[in-house]
C-alpha atoms as a PDB file:
ATOM      1  CA  MET A   1      60.422   4.122  11.275  1.00  0.00           C
ATOM      2  CA  THR A   2      59.696   7.110  13.473  1.00  0.00           C
ATOM      3  CA  ALA A   3      62.459   9.807  12.380  1.00  0.00           C
ATOM      4  CA  VAL A   4      61.976  11.306   9.100  1.00  0.00           C
ATOM      5  CA  HIS A   5      63.643   9.662   6.480  1.00  0.00           C
ATOM      6  CA  ARG A   6      66.166  11.430   3.625  1.00  0.00           C
ATOM      7  CA  VAL A   7      65.879  10.492   0.313  1.00  0.00           C
ATOM      8  CA  VAL A   8      68.382  12.025  -1.956  1.00  0.00           C
ATOM      9  CA  VAL A   9      68.106  11.929  -5.728  1.00  0.00           C
ATOM     10  CA  LEU A  10      70.896  12.194  -7.924  1.00  0.00           C
ATOM     11  CA  ALA A  11      70.468  13.841 -11.356  1.00  0.00           C
ATOM     12  CA  LEU A  12      72.984  13.074 -13.607  1.00  0.00           C
ATOM     13  CA  ASP A  13      73.266  14.970 -17.103  1.00  0.00           C
ATOM     14  CA  GLY A  14      70.337  13.762 -19.806  1.00  0.00           C
ATOM     15  CA  VAL A  15      67.870  13.054 -16.938  1.00  0.00           C
ATOM     16  CA  TYR A  16      64.426  12.299 -17.804  1.00  0.00           C
ATOM     17  CA  PRO A  17      62.358  14.973 -16.225  1.00  0.00           C
ATOM     18  CA  PHE A  18      59.166  12.782 -15.804  1.00  0.00           C
ATOM     19  CA  GLU A  19      61.221  10.276 -13.698  1.00  0.00           C
ATOM     20  CA  LEU A  20      63.169  12.828 -11.916  1.00  0.00           C
ATOM     21  CA  GLY A  21      60.168  14.334 -10.437  1.00  0.00           C
ATOM     22  CA  ILE A  22      58.618  10.857  -9.377  1.00  0.00           C
ATOM     23  CA  PRO A  23      60.560  10.781  -5.838  1.00  0.00           C
ATOM     24  CA  SER A  24      59.508  14.170  -5.017  1.00  0.00           C
ATOM     25  CA  ARG A  25      56.133  13.653  -5.849  1.00  0.00           C
ATOM     26  CA  VAL A  26      55.614  10.307  -4.236  1.00  0.00           C
ATOM     27  CA  PHE A  27      57.565  11.037  -1.067  1.00  0.00           C
ATOM     28  CA  GLY A  28      56.697  14.456  -0.777  1.00  0.00           C
ATOM     29  CA  ALA A  29      52.861  13.612  -0.349  1.00  0.00           C
ATOM     30  CA  LEU A  30      54.208  12.406   3.176  1.00  0.00           C
ATOM     31  CA  GLN A  31      56.273  15.021   4.475  1.00  0.00           C
ATOM     32  CA  ASP A  32      55.889  14.199   8.101  1.00  0.00           C
ATOM     33  CA  ARG A  33      57.886  11.100   7.004  1.00  0.00           C
ATOM     34  CA  TYR A  34      60.427  11.468   4.315  1.00  0.00           C
ATOM     35  CA  GLU A  35      62.354  14.564   3.265  1.00  0.00           C
ATOM     36  CA  VAL A  36      63.288  14.425  -0.642  1.00  0.00           C
ATOM     37  CA  LEU A  37      66.657  16.399  -1.576  1.00  0.00           C
ATOM     38  CA  THR A  38      68.095  16.491  -5.223  1.00  0.00           C
ATOM     39  CA  CYS A  39      71.937  17.086  -5.562  1.00  0.00           C
ATOM     40  CA  SER A  40      74.128  16.379  -9.051  1.00  0.00           C
ATOM     41  CA  VAL A  41      77.701  15.315  -8.928  1.00  0.00           C
ATOM     42  CA  ASP A  42      79.034  19.062  -8.617  1.00  0.00           C
ATOM     43  CA  GLY A  43      76.007  20.945  -7.659  1.00  0.00           C
ATOM     44  CA  GLY A  44      75.700  22.797 -10.623  1.00  0.00           C
ATOM     45  CA  PRO A  45      72.876  22.956 -13.170  1.00  0.00           C
ATOM     46  CA  VAL A  46      71.937  19.531 -14.973  1.00  0.00           C
ATOM     47  CA  ALA A  47      70.992  19.390 -18.391  1.00  0.00           C
ATOM     48  CA  THR A  48      67.922  17.199 -19.015  1.00  0.00           C
ATOM     49  CA  ASN A  49      67.086  15.023 -22.240  1.00  0.00           C
ATOM     50  CA  ALA A  50      64.507  17.698 -23.058  1.00  0.00           C
ATOM     51  CA  ASP A  51      65.320  21.590 -23.953  1.00  0.00           C
ATOM     52  CA  PHE A  52      65.863  22.983 -20.733  1.00  0.00           C
ATOM     53  CA  SER A  53      68.052  22.193 -17.514  1.00  0.00           C
ATOM     54  CA  VAL A  54      67.377  22.002 -14.078  1.00  0.00           C
ATOM     55  CA  THR A  55      69.027  23.582 -11.104  1.00  0.00           C
ATOM     56  CA  VAL A  56      69.288  21.424  -8.175  1.00  0.00           C
ATOM     57  CA  GLY A  57      69.429  22.397  -4.473  1.00  0.00           C
ATOM     58  CA  HIS A  58      72.405  20.369  -3.285  1.00  0.00           C
ATOM     59  CA  GLY A  59      76.056  18.969  -4.177  1.00  0.00           C
ATOM     60  CA  PRO A  60      76.925  15.582  -3.937  1.00  0.00           C
ATOM     61  CA  GLU A  61      77.781  15.840  -0.010  1.00  0.00           C
ATOM     62  CA  VAL A  62      74.246  15.148   0.752  1.00  0.00           C
ATOM     63  CA  LEU A  63      74.368  11.706  -0.354  1.00  0.00           C
ATOM     64  CA  ALA A  64      76.518  10.819   2.708  1.00  0.00           C
ATOM     65  CA  THR A  65      73.230  11.811   4.617  1.00  0.00           C
ATOM     66  CA  ALA A  66      70.820   9.379   2.598  1.00  0.00           C
ATOM     67  CA  ASP A  67      68.788   6.438   4.073  1.00  0.00           C
ATOM     68  CA  THR A  68      67.472   6.451   0.586  1.00  0.00           C
ATOM     69  CA  VAL A  69      69.428   7.316  -2.575  1.00  0.00           C
ATOM     70  CA  ILE A  70      67.618   7.277  -6.169  1.00  0.00           C
ATOM     71  CA  LEU A  71      69.052   7.404  -9.620  1.00  0.00           C
ATOM     72  CA  PRO A  72      66.415   8.551 -12.209  1.00  0.00           C
ATOM     73  CA  PRO A  73      67.274   7.626 -15.910  1.00  0.00           C
ATOM     74  CA  PHE A  74      69.188   9.512 -18.293  1.00  0.00           C
ATOM     75  CA  ASP A  75      69.084   9.888 -22.091  1.00  0.00           C
ATOM     76  CA  LEU A  76      70.267   6.655 -23.918  1.00  0.00           C
ATOM     77  CA  SER A  77      73.075   8.822 -25.816  1.00  0.00           C
ATOM     78  CA  ARG A  78      74.773   9.355 -22.407  1.00  0.00           C
ATOM     79  CA  LEU A  79      74.927   5.303 -21.744  1.00  0.00           C
ATOM     80  CA  SER A  80      78.478   4.209 -20.693  1.00  0.00           C
ATOM     81  CA  ARG A  81      79.812   0.799 -19.817  1.00  0.00           C
ATOM     82  CA  GLU A  82      82.301   2.505 -17.563  1.00  0.00           C
ATOM     83  CA  LEU A  83      81.266   4.370 -14.571  1.00  0.00           C
ATOM     84  CA  PRO A  84      81.982   8.128 -15.391  1.00  0.00           C
ATOM     85  CA  PRO A  85      84.942   9.117 -12.353  1.00  0.00           C
ATOM     86  CA  ARG A  86      82.827  12.116 -11.093  1.00  0.00           C
ATOM     87  CA  VAL A  87      79.810   9.798 -10.824  1.00  0.00           C
ATOM     88  CA  GLY A  88      81.683   7.273  -8.958  1.00  0.00           C
ATOM     89  CA  GLU A  89      83.301   9.786  -6.394  1.00  0.00           C
ATOM     90  CA  ALA A  90      79.675  10.752  -5.550  1.00  0.00           C
ATOM     91  CA  LEU A  91      78.328   6.883  -5.045  1.00  0.00           C
ATOM     92  CA  ALA A  92      81.424   6.136  -2.985  1.00  0.00           C
ATOM     93  CA  ALA A  93      79.875   8.925  -0.347  1.00  0.00           C
ATOM     94  CA  VAL A  94      76.846   6.921   0.070  1.00  0.00           C
ATOM     95  CA  ARG A  95      76.888   5.358   3.503  1.00  0.00           C
ATOM     96  CA  PRO A  96      76.790   1.549   4.389  1.00  0.00           C
ATOM     97  CA  GLY A  97      73.221   0.536   4.866  1.00  0.00           C
ATOM     98  CA  ALA A  98      71.301   3.045   2.838  1.00  0.00           C
ATOM     99  CA  ARG A  99      68.810   1.899   0.227  1.00  0.00           C
ATOM    100  CA  ILE A 100      69.459   2.506  -3.435  1.00  0.00           C
ATOM    101  CA  VAL A 101      67.300   2.820  -6.011  1.00  0.00           C
ATOM    102  CA  SER A 102      67.527   2.863  -9.907  1.00  0.00           C
ATOM    103  CA  ILE A 103      64.752   4.164 -12.383  1.00  0.00           C
ATOM    104  CA  CYS A 104      65.063   2.702 -16.184  1.00  0.00           C
ATOM    105  CA  THR A 105      68.506   3.460 -17.249  1.00  0.00           C
ATOM    106  CA  GLY A 106      69.771   4.481 -13.854  1.00  0.00           C
ATOM    107  CA  ALA A 107      70.489   0.585 -13.328  1.00  0.00           C
ATOM    108  CA  PHE A 108      73.398   1.146 -15.560  1.00  0.00           C
ATOM    109  CA  VAL A 109      74.967   3.500 -13.060  1.00  0.00           C
ATOM    110  CA  LEU A 110      74.492   0.921 -10.120  1.00  0.00           C
ATOM    111  CA  ALA A 111      75.808  -1.993 -12.660  1.00  0.00           C
ATOM    112  CA  ALA A 112      79.016  -0.043 -13.470  1.00  0.00           C
ATOM    113  CA  ALA A 113      79.743   0.665 -10.112  1.00  0.00           C
ATOM    114  CA  GLY A 114      79.405  -3.160  -9.068  1.00  0.00           C
ATOM    115  CA  LEU A 115      76.423  -2.841  -6.814  1.00  0.00           C
ATOM    116  CA  LEU A 116      74.426  -5.355  -8.769  1.00  0.00           C
ATOM    117  CA  ASP A 117      76.960  -8.121  -9.164  1.00  0.00           C
ATOM    118  CA  GLY A 118      75.065 -11.259  -8.400  1.00  0.00           C
ATOM    119  CA  ARG A 119      71.821  -9.657  -7.833  1.00  0.00           C
ATOM    120  CA  PRO A 120      68.687  -9.643  -9.511  1.00  0.00           C
ATOM    121  CA  ALA A 121      67.921  -6.632 -11.413  1.00  0.00           C
ATOM    122  CA  THR A 122      65.740  -4.772 -14.055  1.00  0.00           C
ATOM    123  CA  THR A 123      65.839  -2.246 -16.583  1.00  0.00           C
ATOM    124  CA  HIS A 124      63.910  -0.723 -19.563  1.00  0.00           C
ATOM    125  CA  TRP A 125      63.115  -3.726 -21.989  1.00  0.00           C
ATOM    126  CA  ALA A 126      64.413  -1.447 -24.837  1.00  0.00           C
ATOM    127  CA  VAL A 127      67.961  -1.546 -23.909  1.00  0.00           C
ATOM    128  CA  ALA A 128      67.951  -5.063 -21.748  1.00  0.00           C
ATOM    129  CA  ASP A 129      70.056  -6.423 -24.473  1.00  0.00           C
ATOM    130  CA  VAL A 130      72.551  -3.893 -24.068  1.00  0.00           C
ATOM    131  CA  PHE A 131      72.773  -4.216 -20.353  1.00  0.00           C
ATOM    132  CA  ARG A 132      73.178  -8.173 -20.372  1.00  0.00           C
ATOM    133  CA  SER A 133      76.188  -7.649 -22.865  1.00  0.00           C
ATOM    134  CA  TRP A 134      78.072  -5.049 -20.584  1.00  0.00           C
ATOM    135  CA  TYR A 135      77.029  -6.954 -17.517  1.00  0.00           C
ATOM    136  CA  PRO A 136      76.398 -10.350 -17.414  1.00  0.00           C
ATOM    137  CA  GLU A 137      77.050 -11.102 -13.761  1.00  0.00           C
ATOM    138  CA  VAL A 138      73.913  -9.403 -13.108  1.00  0.00           C
ATOM    139  CA  ALA A 139      70.706 -11.333 -13.066  1.00  0.00           C
ATOM    140  CA  LEU A 140      68.909  -9.312 -15.374  1.00  0.00           C
ATOM    141  CA  ASP A 141      65.125  -9.886 -15.774  1.00  0.00           C
ATOM    142  CA  PRO A 142      63.798  -7.504 -18.129  1.00  0.00           C
ATOM    143  CA  ASP A 143      60.044  -8.444 -18.036  1.00  0.00           C
ATOM    144  CA  VAL A 144      59.130  -6.915 -14.727  1.00  0.00           C
ATOM    145  CA  LEU A 145      58.380  -3.684 -13.292  1.00  0.00           C
ATOM    146  CA  PHE A 146      60.652  -3.728 -10.673  1.00  0.00           C
ATOM    147  CA  VAL A 147      62.952  -5.985  -8.519  1.00  0.00           C
ATOM    148  CA  ASP A 148      63.202  -5.434  -4.672  1.00  0.00           C
ATOM    149  CA  ASP A 149      66.516  -7.136  -3.713  1.00  0.00           C
ATOM    150  CA  GLY A 150      66.673  -5.908  -0.018  1.00  0.00           C
ATOM    151  CA  SER A 151      68.508  -2.807   0.110  1.00  0.00           C
ATOM    152  CA  VAL A 152      68.867  -2.492  -3.786  1.00  0.00           C
ATOM    153  CA  LEU A 153      65.979  -1.966  -5.580  1.00  0.00           C
ATOM    154  CA  THR A 154      65.659  -1.612  -9.773  1.00  0.00           C
ATOM    155  CA  SER A 155      62.944  -0.450 -11.561  1.00  0.00           C
ATOM    156  CA  ALA A 156      61.752  -0.609 -15.555  1.00  0.00           C
ATOM    157  CA  GLY A 157      60.964   2.547 -17.434  1.00  0.00           C
ATOM    158  CA  ALA A 158      58.882   5.806 -16.956  1.00  0.00           C
ATOM    159  CA  ALA A 159      55.757   5.043 -14.512  1.00  0.00           C
ATOM    160  CA  SER A 160      57.358   1.935 -13.144  1.00  0.00           C
ATOM    161  CA  GLY A 161      59.253   4.748 -11.140  1.00  0.00           C
ATOM    162  CA  VAL A 162      56.204   5.483  -9.465  1.00  0.00           C
ATOM    163  CA  ASP A 163      55.501   1.756  -8.691  1.00  0.00           C
ATOM    164  CA  VAL A 164      58.408   1.432  -7.130  1.00  0.00           C
ATOM    165  CA  CYS A 165      58.283   4.314  -5.183  1.00  0.00           C
ATOM    166  CA  LEU A 166      54.593   3.120  -3.571  1.00  0.00           C
ATOM    167  CA  HIS A 167      56.572  -0.228  -3.126  1.00  0.00           C
ATOM    168  CA  LEU A 168      58.664   1.856  -0.673  1.00  0.00           C
ATOM    169  CA  VAL A 169      56.257   3.342   0.733  1.00  0.00           C
ATOM    170  CA  ARG A 170      53.956   0.491   1.412  1.00  0.00           C
ATOM    171  CA  ARG A 171      57.404  -1.488   2.690  1.00  0.00           C
ATOM    172  CA  ASP A 172      58.134   1.547   5.195  1.00  0.00           C
ATOM    173  CA  HIS A 173      54.596   2.018   6.382  1.00  0.00           C
ATOM    174  CA  GLY A 174      52.245  -0.242   5.223  1.00  0.00           C
ATOM    175  CA  THR A 175      49.144  -0.737   2.531  1.00  0.00           C
ATOM    176  CA  ALA A 176      47.017   2.112   4.020  1.00  0.00           C
ATOM    177  CA  VAL A 177      49.464   4.741   3.792  1.00  0.00           C
ATOM    178  CA  ALA A 178      50.530   3.882   0.554  1.00  0.00           C
ATOM    179  CA  ASN A 179      47.116   4.130  -1.079  1.00  0.00           C
ATOM    180  CA  HIS A 180      46.761   7.493   0.585  1.00  0.00           C
ATOM    181  CA  VAL A 181      49.727   8.470  -1.278  1.00  0.00           C
ATOM    182  CA  ALA A 182      48.628   6.723  -4.499  1.00  0.00           C
ATOM    183  CA  ARG A 183      45.148   8.481  -4.236  1.00  0.00           C
ATOM    184  CA  ALA A 184      46.961  11.804  -3.621  1.00  0.00           C
ATOM    185  CA  CYS A 185      48.948  11.030  -6.811  1.00  0.00           C
ATOM    186  CA  VAL A 186      46.334  10.058  -8.937  1.00  0.00           C
ATOM    187  CA  VAL A 187      47.758   6.787  -9.612  1.00  0.00           C
ATOM    188  CA  PRO A 188      46.980   2.968  -9.036  1.00  0.00           C
ATOM    189  CA  PRO A 189      47.768   1.916  -5.548  1.00  0.00           C
ATOM    190  CA  TRP A 190      49.279  -1.411  -6.468  1.00  0.00           C
ATOM    191  CA  ARG A 191      51.144  -2.914  -9.697  1.00  0.00           C
ATOM    192  CA  ASP A 192      53.129  -6.042  -8.751  1.00  0.00           C
ATOM    193  CA  GLY A 193      56.893  -5.930  -9.148  1.00  0.00           C
ATOM    194  CA  GLY A 194      56.586  -9.147 -11.069  1.00  0.00           C
ATOM    195  CA  GLN A 195      54.034  -7.867 -13.503  1.00  0.00           C
ATOM    196  CA  ALA A 196      55.023  -7.672 -17.274  1.00  0.00           C
ATOM    197  CA  GLN A 197      56.688  -4.457 -18.439  1.00  0.00           C
ATOM    198  CA  TYR A 198      54.725  -4.385 -21.719  1.00  0.00           C
ATOM    199  CA  ILE A 199      52.227  -6.486 -23.146  1.00  0.00           C
ATOM    200  CA  GLU A 200      52.989  -7.801 -26.890  1.00  0.00           C
ATOM    201  CA  HIS A 201      50.007  -7.731 -28.078  1.00  0.00           C
ATOM    202  CA  PRO A 202      47.736  -4.319 -28.340  1.00  0.00           C
ATOM    203  CA  VAL A 203      45.325  -4.009 -25.347  1.00  0.00           C
ATOM    204  CA  PRO A 204      41.823  -4.512 -26.284  1.00  0.00           C
ATOM    205  CA  PRO A 205      39.496  -1.363 -26.039  1.00  0.00           C
ATOM    206  CA  GLU A 206      37.017  -1.483 -23.336  1.00  0.00           C
ATOM    207  CA  SER A 207      33.973  -3.456 -24.106  1.00  0.00           C
ATOM    208  CA  ALA A 208      30.870  -5.345 -22.781  1.00  0.00           C
ATOM    209  CA  HIS A 209      33.422  -8.239 -23.866  1.00  0.00           C
ATOM    210  CA  GLY A 210      36.507  -7.485 -21.353  1.00  0.00           C
ATOM    211  CA  THR A 211      37.134  -8.678 -18.195  1.00  0.00           C
ATOM    212  CA  SER A 212      36.994  -5.726 -16.155  1.00  0.00           C
ATOM    213  CA  ALA A 213      33.413  -6.514 -14.814  1.00  0.00           C
ATOM    214  CA  THR A 214      34.489  -9.981 -13.581  1.00  0.00           C
ATOM    215  CA  ARG A 215      37.630  -8.608 -12.295  1.00  0.00           C
ATOM    216  CA  GLN A 216      35.259  -6.520 -10.062  1.00  0.00           C
ATOM    217  CA  TRP A 217      33.322  -9.274  -9.337  1.00  0.00           C
ATOM    218  CA  ALA A 218      36.275 -11.204  -8.159  1.00  0.00           C
ATOM    219  CA  LEU A 219      37.118  -8.161  -5.731  1.00  0.00           C
ATOM    220  CA  GLU A 220      33.692  -8.489  -4.189  1.00  0.00           C
ATOM    221  CA  ASN A 221      33.859 -12.066  -3.653  1.00  0.00           C
ATOM    222  CA  LEU A 222      37.423 -12.497  -2.927  1.00  0.00           C
ATOM    223  CA  HIS A 223      36.282 -14.892   0.376  1.00  0.00           C
ATOM    224  CA  GLU A 224      35.054 -17.422  -1.757  1.00  0.00           C
ATOM    225  CA  PRO A 225      37.435 -19.913  -3.921  1.00  0.00           C
ATOM    226  CA  LEU A 226      36.888 -18.402  -7.145  1.00  0.00           C
ATOM    227  CA  THR A 227      37.860 -20.868  -9.695  1.00  0.00           C
ATOM    228  CA  LEU A 228      38.934 -20.254 -13.382  1.00  0.00           C
ATOM    229  CA  THR A 229      35.508 -21.799 -14.376  1.00  0.00           C
ATOM    230  CA  GLU A 230      33.771 -19.541 -12.271  1.00  0.00           C
ATOM    231  CA  LEU A 231      35.459 -16.270 -13.671  1.00  0.00           C
ATOM    232  CA  ALA A 232      35.121 -17.320 -17.100  1.00  0.00           C
ATOM    233  CA  GLY A 233      31.737 -18.365 -16.626  1.00  0.00           C
ATOM    234  CA  HIS A 234      30.978 -14.978 -15.097  1.00  0.00           C
ATOM    235  CA  ALA A 235      32.605 -12.961 -17.945  1.00  0.00           C
ATOM    236  CA  ARG A 236      30.708 -15.318 -20.538  1.00  0.00           C
ATOM    237  CA  MET A 237      33.771 -16.609 -22.359  1.00  0.00           C
ATOM    238  CA  SER A 238      35.346 -19.905 -22.885  1.00  0.00           C
ATOM    239  CA  LEU A 239      38.296 -20.721 -20.426  1.00  0.00           C
ATOM    240  CA  ARG A 240      40.900 -20.217 -23.097  1.00  0.00           C
ATOM    241  CA  THR A 241      39.419 -16.938 -24.469  1.00  0.00           C
ATOM    242  CA  PHE A 242      38.951 -15.429 -20.876  1.00  0.00           C
ATOM    243  CA  ALA A 243      42.556 -16.557 -19.800  1.00  0.00           C
ATOM    244  CA  ARG A 244      43.941 -14.889 -23.064  1.00  0.00           C
ATOM    245  CA  ARG A 245      42.020 -11.786 -22.758  1.00  0.00           C
ATOM    246  CA  PHE A 246      42.634 -11.258 -18.958  1.00  0.00           C
ATOM    247  CA  THR A 247      46.406 -11.537 -19.607  1.00  0.00           C
ATOM    248  CA  GLU A 248      46.204  -9.146 -22.653  1.00  0.00           C
ATOM    249  CA  GLU A 249      44.147  -6.694 -20.252  1.00  0.00           C
ATOM    250  CA  VAL A 250      45.973  -7.105 -16.979  1.00  0.00           C
ATOM    251  CA  GLY A 251      49.431  -8.383 -17.926  1.00  0.00           C
ATOM    252  CA  THR A 252      49.161 -11.616 -15.662  1.00  0.00           C
ATOM    253  CA  SER A 253      47.363 -14.560 -15.288  1.00  0.00           C
ATOM    254  CA  PRO A 254      43.848 -14.686 -13.660  1.00  0.00           C
ATOM    255  CA  GLY A 255      45.447 -16.983 -10.892  1.00  0.00           C
ATOM    256  CA  ARG A 256      48.529 -14.752 -10.317  1.00  0.00           C
ATOM    257  CA  TRP A 257      45.888 -12.025 -10.194  1.00  0.00           C
ATOM    258  CA  LEU A 258      43.929 -13.426  -7.695  1.00  0.00           C
ATOM    259  CA  ILE A 259      46.604 -14.408  -5.373  1.00  0.00           C
ATOM    260  CA  GLN A 260      47.893 -10.754  -5.608  1.00  0.00           C
ATOM    261  CA  GLN A 261      44.619  -9.252  -4.645  1.00  0.00           C
ATOM    262  CA  ARG A 262      43.929 -12.037  -1.606  1.00  0.00           C
ATOM    263  CA  VAL A 263      47.248 -10.865  -0.312  1.00  0.00           C
ATOM    264  CA  VAL A 264      46.796  -7.090  -0.593  1.00  0.00           C
ATOM    265  CA  ARG A 265      43.516  -7.870   1.223  1.00  0.00           C
ATOM    266  CA  ALA A 266      45.170  -9.744   3.620  1.00  0.00           C
ATOM    267  CA  ARG A 267      47.715  -7.087   4.598  1.00  0.00           C
ATOM    268  CA  HIS A 268      45.234  -4.498   5.014  1.00  0.00           C
ATOM    269  CA  LEU A 269      43.627  -6.697   7.219  1.00  0.00           C
ATOM    270  CA  LEU A 270      46.854  -7.353   9.311  1.00  0.00           C
ATOM    271  CA  GLU A 271      46.911  -3.383   9.534  1.00  0.00           C
ATOM    272  CA  THR A 272      43.763  -2.433  10.443  1.00  0.00           C
ATOM    273  CA  THR A 273      41.999  -5.351  12.352  1.00  0.00           C
ATOM    274  CA  ASP A 274      42.725  -7.685  15.426  1.00  0.00           C
ATOM    275  CA  LEU A 275      41.568 -10.788  13.511  1.00  0.00           C
ATOM    276  CA  ALA A 276      43.566 -13.882  13.820  1.00  0.00           C
ATOM    277  CA  VAL A 277      45.413 -15.181  10.695  1.00  0.00           C
ATOM    278  CA  ASP A 278      42.899 -18.026  10.218  1.00  0.00           C
ATOM    279  CA  ASP A 279      40.011 -15.509  10.111  1.00  0.00           C
ATOM    280  CA  ILE A 280      41.904 -13.152   7.856  1.00  0.00           C
ATOM    281  CA  ALA A 281      42.488 -16.118   5.589  1.00  0.00           C
ATOM    282  CA  GLY A 282      38.912 -16.984   5.428  1.00  0.00           C
ATOM    283  CA  GLN A 283      37.484 -13.527   4.607  1.00  0.00           C
ATOM    284  CA  VAL A 284      40.298 -12.931   1.758  1.00  0.00           C
ATOM    285  CA  GLY A 285      39.882 -16.338   0.198  1.00  0.00           C
ATOM    286  CA  PHE A 286      42.739 -18.736   1.414  1.00  0.00           C
ATOM    287  CA  ALA A 287      41.751 -21.978   2.288  1.00  0.00           C
ATOM    288  CA  THR A 288      44.090 -22.230   5.850  1.00  0.00           C
ATOM    289  CA  GLY A 289      45.906 -19.847   7.738  1.00  0.00           C
ATOM    290  CA  THR A 290      48.854 -21.924   6.589  1.00  0.00           C
ATOM    291  CA  SER A 291      48.066 -21.104   2.930  1.00  0.00           C
ATOM    292  CA  LEU A 292      48.063 -17.375   3.796  1.00  0.00           C
ATOM    293  CA  ARG A 293      51.277 -17.610   5.573  1.00  0.00           C
ATOM    294  CA  GLU A 294      52.712 -19.345   2.823  1.00  0.00           C
ATOM    295  CA  HIS A 295      51.764 -16.727  -0.139  1.00  0.00           C
ATOM    296  CA  LEU A 296      52.680 -13.583   2.544  1.00  0.00           C
ATOM    297  CA  HIS A 297      56.011 -14.837   3.034  1.00  0.00           C
ATOM    298  CA  ALA A 298      56.456 -15.434  -0.830  1.00  0.00           C
ATOM    299  CA  ALA A 299      54.930 -12.028  -1.574  1.00  0.00           C
ATOM    300  CA  ILE A 300      57.114  -9.879   0.918  1.00  0.00           C
ATOM    301  CA  GLY A 301      59.311 -12.425   2.954  1.00  0.00           C
ATOM    302  CA  VAL A 302      57.735 -12.162   6.371  1.00  0.00           C
ATOM    303  CA  SER A 303      55.114 -13.854   8.154  1.00  0.00           C
ATOM    304  CA  PRO A 304      51.642 -12.276   9.136  1.00  0.00           C
ATOM    305  CA  LEU A 305      53.053 -11.642  12.948  1.00  0.00           C
ATOM    306  CA  ALA A 306      55.784 -10.032  11.734  1.00  0.00           C
ATOM    307  CA  TYR A 307      54.222  -7.801   9.681  1.00  0.00           C
ATOM    308  CA  ARG A 308      51.258  -6.941  11.787  1.00  0.00           C
ATOM    309  CA  ARG A 309      53.889  -5.805  14.549  1.00  0.00           C
ATOM    310  CA  THR A 310      55.883  -3.492  12.109  1.00  0.00           C
ATOM    311  CA  PHE A 311      52.844  -1.691  11.211  1.00  0.00           C
ATOM    312  CA  ARG A 312      50.381  -1.961  14.437  1.00  0.00           C
ATOM    313  CA  GLY A 313      53.009  -2.271  17.133  1.00  0.00           C
ATOM    314  CA  ALA A 314      51.067  -4.877  18.748  1.00  0.00           C
ATOM    315  CA  ALA A 315      50.373  -8.489  17.826  1.00  0.00           C
ATOM    316  CA  PRO A 316      47.348 -10.841  18.722  1.00  0.00           C
ATOM    317  CA  ALA A 317      47.312 -14.328  18.604  1.00  0.00           C
ATOM    318  CA  VAL A 318      48.111 -15.604  15.203  1.00  0.00           C
END
């Protein structure tokens, strides 16, 4: 992407103020690459679900100029199975090819508009049953943080809106730029979209018996195979206890977490070095370049060559 990318946020009555501000905070950290505008269906003030309203700078006409449209969530009392006419008119202005993103209950609007028919999607787990009963034609997965289905992305509640926006920055400009934005926003740079929305058991307090020290050790030794037995041994736990505690603390299994970290490290090396794929595979702990290619494609849908071309403009032999 070379031109400034316009992000338009459509605020509906009952909007949650926290999520309304996420796009401006995340994309606004890159003002040379993104422009963020906020609109309402009529250009007038919008009531939030708090004790104040917000005045937006634009009416629905700016939706026709958007490269990405974001629908933040709104209060549960305003959920409707049918698309309100004025909202439908506003969405009709969105040009073909624009990305559309929902946060939390914003997915109800996309589903009511038919934009999620036949697609995978997510929303806040607390309203999953209602969503599924109203829109059975949507392949709902209420257990993940966000779903990237190409031009349409949906995310779960609250902070997962930060995750999906950072994911878009990473998709547009690479890991290094997304990490810079994450540091500016003082948030973790990466939570995989497939990570669980919530953990059923309470997260244990930090202690000498947790897995954080072992996770740090694993990151420092990603070039090694790192079996579950080795991880459990480092943590001085049985295999069963380690696997259970790790999942409680991180929200995913040790094996899946390791693959995620290896892919993240590989993406960074593809963006910042001229190393061949086989060399990168060795540095991040994949047995072969073929294994790296398979895991990278599973994670982001592209080959190392295509990824490097996207973010570096030149592609050494891979």
